[in-house]
């Protein structure tokens, strides 16, 4: 058996049509080989764990900004190569500082976790959510045109508006915690990473000017 801790991960099986075909030296070699394989698998598992930690936000467990910077490059290359659409959602929690100041950062952290869980639940398996910074998140929507992206954004906005967050009625200007979302799409709003991000960010800024708790597209 190849053991990792107390668990059997694989088995080395030797067989021969001859009786007593294997010497003590053969058995010792196989046992040594099993130890080497065990050590290698353990190191590979550890590497993958470290790699996973490096691309996850420690608080919310969604992908982090570093992972977004890598994935957006790959998505753009793929979209150009196969002539596919994709969209970005820039998501910001409205008046989140007021919530934090009133309820404390521990409760604010709980809101961030709940928001990530809600968004992941309402999104498709192919959509990817990243914590972009603070209370701002970004989503990559592969093979998604602008109209479809706007529909998803409005559904997410409505779900957040209808969800009850503990203490929201005490701290938020309109007695409820909400989000604003800016939408940009490839290739309609640009064919470069910086252009697409800026377009989504500008659309998000427009939602703030129009009163928050809404979706605006570039």
C-alpha atoms as a PDB file:
ATOM      1  CA  UNK A   1       0.000   0.000   0.000  1.00  0.00           C
ATOM      2  CA  UNK A   2       1.006   3.593  -0.698  1.00  0.00           C
ATOM      3  CA  UNK A   3       0.042   5.453   2.483  1.00  0.00           C
ATOM      4  CA  UNK A   4      -0.540   9.172   2.956  1.00  0.00           C
ATOM      5  CA  UNK A   5      -0.921   9.600   6.681  1.00  0.00           C
ATOM      6  CA  UNK A   6      -3.219   6.746   7.670  1.00  0.00           C
ATOM      7  CA  UNK A   7      -5.005   6.530   4.325  1.00  0.00           C
ATOM      8  CA  UNK A   8      -4.244   4.147   1.475  1.00  0.00           C
ATOM      9  CA  UNK A   9      -3.951   6.248  -1.696  1.00  0.00           C
ATOM     10  CA  UNK A  10      -2.875   3.475  -4.066  1.00  0.00           C
ATOM     11  CA  UNK A  11      -1.533  -0.077  -4.139  1.00  0.00           C
ATOM     12  CA  UNK A  12       1.476  -1.607  -5.844  1.00  0.00           C
ATOM     13  CA  UNK A  13       0.569  -5.126  -6.945  1.00  0.00           C
ATOM     14  CA  UNK A  14       3.133  -7.705  -8.061  1.00  0.00           C
ATOM     15  CA  UNK A  15       2.130 -10.947  -9.722  1.00  0.00           C
ATOM     16  CA  UNK A  16       3.912 -13.900 -11.249  1.00  0.00           C
ATOM     17  CA  UNK A  17       2.899 -17.293 -12.597  1.00  0.00           C
ATOM     18  CA  UNK A  18       5.918 -18.741 -10.802  1.00  0.00           C
ATOM     19  CA  UNK A  19       5.870 -19.669  -7.149  1.00  0.00           C
ATOM     20  CA  UNK A  20       8.192 -17.767  -4.824  1.00  0.00           C
ATOM     21  CA  UNK A  21       9.158 -15.534  -7.743  1.00  0.00           C
ATOM     22  CA  UNK A  22      10.068 -12.560  -5.570  1.00  0.00           C
ATOM     23  CA  UNK A  23      13.018 -12.433  -3.225  1.00  0.00           C
ATOM     24  CA  UNK A  24      13.262 -10.506   0.032  1.00  0.00           C
ATOM     25  CA  UNK A  25      15.272  -7.936  -1.903  1.00  0.00           C
ATOM     26  CA  UNK A  26      12.415  -7.530  -4.391  1.00  0.00           C
ATOM     27  CA  UNK A  27       9.939  -6.952  -1.558  1.00  0.00           C
ATOM     28  CA  UNK A  28      12.243  -4.422   0.103  1.00  0.00           C
ATOM     29  CA  UNK A  29      12.615  -2.577  -3.195  1.00  0.00           C
ATOM     30  CA  UNK A  30       8.849  -2.380  -3.664  1.00  0.00           C
ATOM     31  CA  UNK A  31       8.385  -1.159  -0.084  1.00  0.00           C
ATOM     32  CA  UNK A  32      10.986   1.537  -0.733  1.00  0.00           C
ATOM     33  CA  UNK A  33       9.223   2.421  -3.990  1.00  0.00           C
ATOM     34  CA  UNK A  34       5.917   2.742  -2.109  1.00  0.00           C
ATOM     35  CA  UNK A  35       7.570   5.151   0.360  1.00  0.00           C
ATOM     36  CA  UNK A  36       8.976   7.255  -2.478  1.00  0.00           C
ATOM     37  CA  UNK A  37       5.592   7.398  -4.236  1.00  0.00           C
ATOM     38  CA  UNK A  38       3.911   8.279  -0.923  1.00  0.00           C
ATOM     39  CA  UNK A  39       6.358  11.123  -0.327  1.00  0.00           C
ATOM     40  CA  UNK A  40       5.886  12.408  -3.898  1.00  0.00           C
ATOM     41  CA  UNK A  41       2.077  12.362  -3.687  1.00  0.00           C
ATOM     42  CA  UNK A  42       2.229  14.123  -0.316  1.00  0.00           C
ATOM     43  CA  UNK A  43       4.433  16.870  -1.785  1.00  0.00           C
ATOM     44  CA  UNK A  44       2.094  17.242  -4.792  1.00  0.00           C
ATOM     45  CA  UNK A  45      -0.930  17.531  -2.480  1.00  0.00           C
ATOM     46  CA  UNK A  46       0.875  20.172  -0.418  1.00  0.00           C
ATOM     47  CA  UNK A  47       1.794  22.111  -3.554  1.00  0.00           C
ATOM     48  CA  UNK A  48      -1.835  22.146  -4.717  1.00  0.00           C
ATOM     49  CA  UNK A  49      -2.977  23.290  -1.264  1.00  0.00           C
ATOM     50  CA  UNK A  50      -0.484  26.166  -1.298  1.00  0.00           C
ATOM     51  CA  UNK A  51      -1.449  27.044  -4.864  1.00  0.00           C
ATOM     52  CA  UNK A  52      -5.149  27.085  -3.902  1.00  0.00           C
ATOM     53  CA  UNK A  53      -4.455  29.349  -0.931  1.00  0.00           C
ATOM     54  CA  UNK A  54      -2.527  31.760  -3.145  1.00  0.00           C
ATOM     55  CA  UNK A  55      -5.514  32.339  -5.456  1.00  0.00           C
ATOM     56  CA  UNK A  56      -8.257  32.530  -2.811  1.00  0.00           C
ATOM     57  CA  UNK A  57      -9.403  35.464  -0.719  1.00  0.00           C
ATOM     58  CA  UNK A  58      -8.743  34.506   2.905  1.00  0.00           C
ATOM     59  CA  UNK A  59     -11.970  36.070   4.194  1.00  0.00           C
ATOM     60  CA  UNK A  60     -14.593  35.029   1.661  1.00  0.00           C
ATOM     61  CA  UNK A  61     -12.898  32.036  -0.052  1.00  0.00           C
ATOM     62  CA  UNK A  62     -13.791  33.376  -3.483  1.00  0.00           C
ATOM     63  CA  UNK A  63     -10.987  34.000  -5.983  1.00  0.00           C
ATOM     64  CA  UNK A  64      -8.702  36.970  -5.308  1.00  0.00           C
ATOM     65  CA  UNK A  65      -7.347  39.844  -7.403  1.00  0.00           C
ATOM     66  CA  UNK A  66      -4.224  37.863  -8.327  1.00  0.00           C
ATOM     67  CA  UNK A  67      -6.350  35.078  -9.808  1.00  0.00           C
ATOM     68  CA  UNK A  68      -8.475  37.613 -11.686  1.00  0.00           C
ATOM     69  CA  UNK A  69      -5.385  39.171 -13.265  1.00  0.00           C
ATOM     70  CA  UNK A  70      -4.402  35.717 -14.547  1.00  0.00           C
ATOM     71  CA  UNK A  71      -7.857  34.575 -15.660  1.00  0.00           C
ATOM     72  CA  UNK A  72      -8.806  37.736 -17.534  1.00  0.00           C
ATOM     73  CA  UNK A  73      -5.771  37.300 -19.789  1.00  0.00           C
ATOM     74  CA  UNK A  74      -6.739  33.700 -20.578  1.00  0.00           C
ATOM     75  CA  UNK A  75     -10.383  34.654 -21.161  1.00  0.00           C
ATOM     76  CA  UNK A  76      -9.431  37.438 -23.545  1.00  0.00           C
ATOM     77  CA  UNK A  77      -7.103  35.160 -25.522  1.00  0.00           C
ATOM     78  CA  UNK A  78      -9.810  32.505 -25.751  1.00  0.00           C
ATOM     79  CA  UNK A  79     -12.485  35.013 -26.788  1.00  0.00           C
ATOM     80  CA  UNK A  80     -10.280  36.448 -29.522  1.00  0.00           C
ATOM     81  CA  UNK A  81      -9.244  33.036 -30.821  1.00  0.00           C
ATOM     82  CA  UNK A  82     -12.738  31.567 -31.018  1.00  0.00           C
ATOM     83  CA  UNK A  83     -14.603  34.839 -31.649  1.00  0.00           C
ATOM     84  CA  UNK A  84     -16.645  34.512 -28.458  1.00  0.00           C
ATOM     85  CA  UNK A  85     -18.283  37.153 -26.291  1.00  0.00           C
ATOM     86  CA  UNK A  86     -17.612  37.529 -22.607  1.00  0.00           C
ATOM     87  CA  UNK A  87     -18.679  40.096 -20.024  1.00  0.00           C
ATOM     88  CA  UNK A  88     -17.493  41.631 -16.773  1.00  0.00           C
ATOM     89  CA  UNK A  89     -19.608  42.599 -13.777  1.00  0.00           C
ATOM     90  CA  UNK A  90     -18.111  45.133 -11.376  1.00  0.00           C
ATOM     91  CA  UNK A  91     -20.013  44.784  -8.089  1.00  0.00           C
ATOM     92  CA  UNK A  92     -19.900  47.171  -5.133  1.00  0.00           C
ATOM     93  CA  UNK A  93     -21.805  47.081  -1.825  1.00  0.00           C
ATOM     94  CA  UNK A  94     -23.676  50.350  -1.357  1.00  0.00           C
ATOM     95  CA  UNK A  95     -22.793  52.387   1.724  1.00  0.00           C
ATOM     96  CA  UNK A  96     -20.740  49.510   3.135  1.00  0.00           C
ATOM     97  CA  UNK A  97     -18.593  51.864   5.220  1.00  0.00           C
ATOM     98  CA  UNK A  98     -21.724  52.963   7.087  1.00  0.00           C
ATOM     99  CA  UNK A  99     -22.486  49.330   7.886  1.00  0.00           C
ATOM    100  CA  UNK A 100     -18.929  48.717   9.116  1.00  0.00           C
ATOM    101  CA  UNK A 101     -18.810  51.891  11.179  1.00  0.00           C
ATOM    102  CA  UNK A 102     -22.137  51.120  12.845  1.00  0.00           C
ATOM    103  CA  UNK A 103     -21.877  47.358  13.376  1.00  0.00           C
ATOM    104  CA  UNK A 104     -18.115  46.774  13.464  1.00  0.00           C
ATOM    105  CA  UNK A 105     -15.791  44.977  11.065  1.00  0.00           C
ATOM    106  CA  UNK A 106     -16.664  41.491  12.317  1.00  0.00           C
ATOM    107  CA  UNK A 107     -20.278  41.943  11.230  1.00  0.00           C
ATOM    108  CA  UNK A 108     -19.069  43.568   8.035  1.00  0.00           C
ATOM    109  CA  UNK A 109     -16.944  40.494   7.321  1.00  0.00           C
ATOM    110  CA  UNK A 110     -20.021  38.314   7.807  1.00  0.00           C
ATOM    111  CA  UNK A 111     -21.866  40.376   5.210  1.00  0.00           C
ATOM    112  CA  UNK A 112     -19.047  39.882   2.709  1.00  0.00           C
ATOM    113  CA  UNK A 113     -19.173  36.112   3.234  1.00  0.00           C
ATOM    114  CA  UNK A 114     -22.944  36.024   2.883  1.00  0.00           C
ATOM    115  CA  UNK A 115     -22.780  38.088  -0.282  1.00  0.00           C
ATOM    116  CA  UNK A 116     -20.263  35.725  -1.870  1.00  0.00           C
ATOM    117  CA  UNK A 117     -22.413  32.720  -0.988  1.00  0.00           C
ATOM    118  CA  UNK A 118     -25.494  34.371  -2.470  1.00  0.00           C
ATOM    119  CA  UNK A 119     -23.754  35.381  -5.698  1.00  0.00           C
ATOM    120  CA  UNK A 120     -22.228  31.934  -6.177  1.00  0.00           C
ATOM    121  CA  UNK A 121     -25.613  30.330  -5.592  1.00  0.00           C
ATOM    122  CA  UNK A 122     -27.321  32.500  -8.209  1.00  0.00           C
ATOM    123  CA  UNK A 123     -24.539  32.292 -10.816  1.00  0.00           C
ATOM    124  CA  UNK A 124     -23.798  29.663 -13.424  1.00  0.00           C
ATOM    125  CA  UNK A 125     -21.014  27.131 -12.896  1.00  0.00           C
ATOM    126  CA  UNK A 126     -18.950  28.791 -15.621  1.00  0.00           C
ATOM    127  CA  UNK A 127     -19.112  32.256 -14.010  1.00  0.00           C
ATOM    128  CA  UNK A 128     -16.183  33.208 -11.772  1.00  0.00           C
ATOM    129  CA  UNK A 129     -16.307  35.614  -8.837  1.00  0.00           C
ATOM    130  CA  UNK A 130     -13.284  37.509  -7.486  1.00  0.00           C
ATOM    131  CA  UNK A 131     -12.784  39.861  -4.589  1.00  0.00           C
ATOM    132  CA  UNK A 132     -11.334  42.877  -6.332  1.00  0.00           C
ATOM    133  CA  UNK A 133     -10.669  44.924  -3.199  1.00  0.00           C
ATOM    134  CA  UNK A 134     -12.524  45.889  -0.006  1.00  0.00           C
ATOM    135  CA  UNK A 135     -16.246  45.576  -0.689  1.00  0.00           C
ATOM    136  CA  UNK A 136     -15.783  45.472  -4.463  1.00  0.00           C
ATOM    137  CA  UNK A 137     -16.057  42.258  -6.476  1.00  0.00           C
ATOM    138  CA  UNK A 138     -15.721  41.435 -10.150  1.00  0.00           C
ATOM    139  CA  UNK A 139     -17.183  38.566 -12.171  1.00  0.00           C
ATOM    140  CA  UNK A 140     -16.033  37.069 -15.447  1.00  0.00           C
ATOM    141  CA  UNK A 141     -18.960  35.712 -17.475  1.00  0.00           C
ATOM    142  CA  UNK A 142     -17.597  33.515 -20.295  1.00  0.00           C
ATOM    143  CA  UNK A 143     -19.495  33.380 -23.583  1.00  0.00           C
ATOM    144  CA  UNK A 144     -21.963  35.979 -22.345  1.00  0.00           C
ATOM    145  CA  UNK A 145     -23.167  38.978 -24.349  1.00  0.00           C
ATOM    146  CA  UNK A 146     -24.180  42.275 -22.821  1.00  0.00           C
ATOM    147  CA  UNK A 147     -27.933  41.671 -22.628  1.00  0.00           C
ATOM    148  CA  UNK A 148     -27.471  38.327 -20.908  1.00  0.00           C
ATOM    149  CA  UNK A 149     -24.935  39.883 -18.530  1.00  0.00           C
ATOM    150  CA  UNK A 150     -27.369  42.676 -17.648  1.00  0.00           C
ATOM    151  CA  UNK A 151     -30.092  40.100 -16.935  1.00  0.00           C
ATOM    152  CA  UNK A 152     -27.794  38.214 -14.563  1.00  0.00           C
ATOM    153  CA  UNK A 153     -26.671  41.446 -12.893  1.00  0.00           C
ATOM    154  CA  UNK A 154     -30.258  42.518 -12.281  1.00  0.00           C
ATOM    155  CA  UNK A 155     -31.097  39.123 -10.821  1.00  0.00           C
ATOM    156  CA  UNK A 156     -28.145  39.342  -8.434  1.00  0.00           C
ATOM    157  CA  UNK A 157     -29.049  42.896  -7.457  1.00  0.00           C
ATOM    158  CA  UNK A 158     -32.632  41.879  -6.714  1.00  0.00           C
ATOM    159  CA  UNK A 159     -31.570  38.830  -4.673  1.00  0.00           C
ATOM    160  CA  UNK A 160     -29.316  40.987  -2.496  1.00  0.00           C
ATOM    161  CA  UNK A 161     -32.018  43.620  -2.076  1.00  0.00           C
ATOM    162  CA  UNK A 162     -34.493  40.969  -0.898  1.00  0.00           C
ATOM    163  CA  UNK A 163     -32.097  39.190   1.438  1.00  0.00           C
ATOM    164  CA  UNK A 164     -32.242  40.141   5.110  1.00  0.00           C
ATOM    165  CA  UNK A 165     -28.863  41.108   6.547  1.00  0.00           C
ATOM    166  CA  UNK A 166     -28.791  41.449  10.324  1.00  0.00           C
ATOM    167  CA  UNK A 167     -28.730  45.115  11.357  1.00  0.00           C
ATOM    168  CA  UNK A 168     -29.118  46.556   7.869  1.00  0.00           C
ATOM    169  CA  UNK A 169     -32.205  48.561   8.878  1.00  0.00           C
ATOM    170  CA  UNK A 170     -30.187  50.371  11.547  1.00  0.00           C
ATOM    171  CA  UNK A 171     -27.229  51.482   9.467  1.00  0.00           C
ATOM    172  CA  UNK A 172     -28.138  51.713   5.796  1.00  0.00           C
ATOM    173  CA  UNK A 173     -29.581  54.958   4.333  1.00  0.00           C
ATOM    174  CA  UNK A 174     -32.575  53.149   2.834  1.00  0.00           C
ATOM    175  CA  UNK A 175     -32.851  50.609   5.676  1.00  0.00           C
ATOM    176  CA  UNK A 176     -31.529  47.796   3.511  1.00  0.00           C
ATOM    177  CA  UNK A 177     -28.191  46.543   2.214  1.00  0.00           C
ATOM    178  CA  UNK A 178     -27.912  46.682  -1.576  1.00  0.00           C
ATOM    179  CA  UNK A 179     -25.357  46.412  -4.376  1.00  0.00           C
ATOM    180  CA  UNK A 180     -24.606  48.377  -7.521  1.00  0.00           C
ATOM    181  CA  UNK A 181     -23.249  46.706 -10.658  1.00  0.00           C
ATOM    182  CA  UNK A 182     -21.410  47.991 -13.728  1.00  0.00           C
ATOM    183  CA  UNK A 183     -21.360  45.853 -16.884  1.00  0.00           C
ATOM    184  CA  UNK A 184     -18.940  45.754 -19.812  1.00  0.00           C
ATOM    185  CA  UNK A 185     -18.644  43.249 -22.654  1.00  0.00           C
ATOM    186  CA  UNK A 186     -16.071  42.026 -25.155  1.00  0.00           C
ATOM    187  CA  UNK A 187     -15.829  43.099 -27.903  1.00  0.00           C
ATOM    188  CA  UNK A 188     -18.577  45.752 -27.702  1.00  0.00           C
ATOM    189  CA  UNK A 189     -16.861  47.889 -25.062  1.00  0.00           C
ATOM    190  CA  UNK A 190     -13.258  47.239 -25.983  1.00  0.00           C
ATOM    191  CA  UNK A 191     -10.829  44.533 -27.000  1.00  0.00           C
ATOM    192  CA  UNK A 192      -8.215  45.086 -24.313  1.00  0.00           C
ATOM    193  CA  UNK A 193      -8.160  44.195 -20.626  1.00  0.00           C
ATOM    194  CA  UNK A 194      -7.661  47.719 -19.340  1.00  0.00           C
ATOM    195  CA  UNK A 195     -10.386  49.090 -21.612  1.00  0.00           C
ATOM    196  CA  UNK A 196     -12.927  46.490 -20.483  1.00  0.00           C
ATOM    197  CA  UNK A 197     -12.167  46.952 -16.788  1.00  0.00           C
ATOM    198  CA  UNK A 198     -12.337  50.735 -17.098  1.00  0.00           C
ATOM    199  CA  UNK A 199     -15.656  50.455 -18.960  1.00  0.00           C
ATOM    200  CA  UNK A 200     -17.180  48.299 -16.200  1.00  0.00           C
ATOM    201  CA  UNK A 201     -15.757  50.592 -13.530  1.00  0.00           C
ATOM    202  CA  UNK A 202     -17.161  53.672 -15.270  1.00  0.00           C
ATOM    203  CA  UNK A 203     -20.580  51.997 -15.540  1.00  0.00           C
ATOM    204  CA  UNK A 204     -20.396  51.235 -11.806  1.00  0.00           C
ATOM    205  CA  UNK A 205     -19.623  54.888 -11.107  1.00  0.00           C
ATOM    206  CA  UNK A 206     -22.710  55.812 -13.139  1.00  0.00           C
ATOM    207  CA  UNK A 207     -24.851  53.652 -10.832  1.00  0.00           C
ATOM    208  CA  UNK A 208     -23.557  55.673  -7.880  1.00  0.00           C
ATOM    209  CA  UNK A 209     -24.484  58.927  -9.583  1.00  0.00           C
ATOM    210  CA  UNK A 210     -27.986  57.637 -10.305  1.00  0.00           C
ATOM    211  CA  UNK A 211     -28.676  56.633  -6.709  1.00  0.00           C
ATOM    212  CA  UNK A 212     -27.156  53.131  -6.255  1.00  0.00           C
ATOM    213  CA  UNK A 213     -28.969  49.773  -6.075  1.00  0.00           C
ATOM    214  CA  UNK A 214     -29.081  49.483  -9.838  1.00  0.00           C
ATOM    215  CA  UNK A 215     -27.294  48.062 -12.888  1.00  0.00           C
ATOM    216  CA  UNK A 216     -25.661  50.213 -15.551  1.00  0.00           C
ATOM    217  CA  UNK A 217     -23.912  49.023 -18.720  1.00  0.00           C
ATOM    218  CA  UNK A 218     -21.044  50.670 -20.580  1.00  0.00           C
END
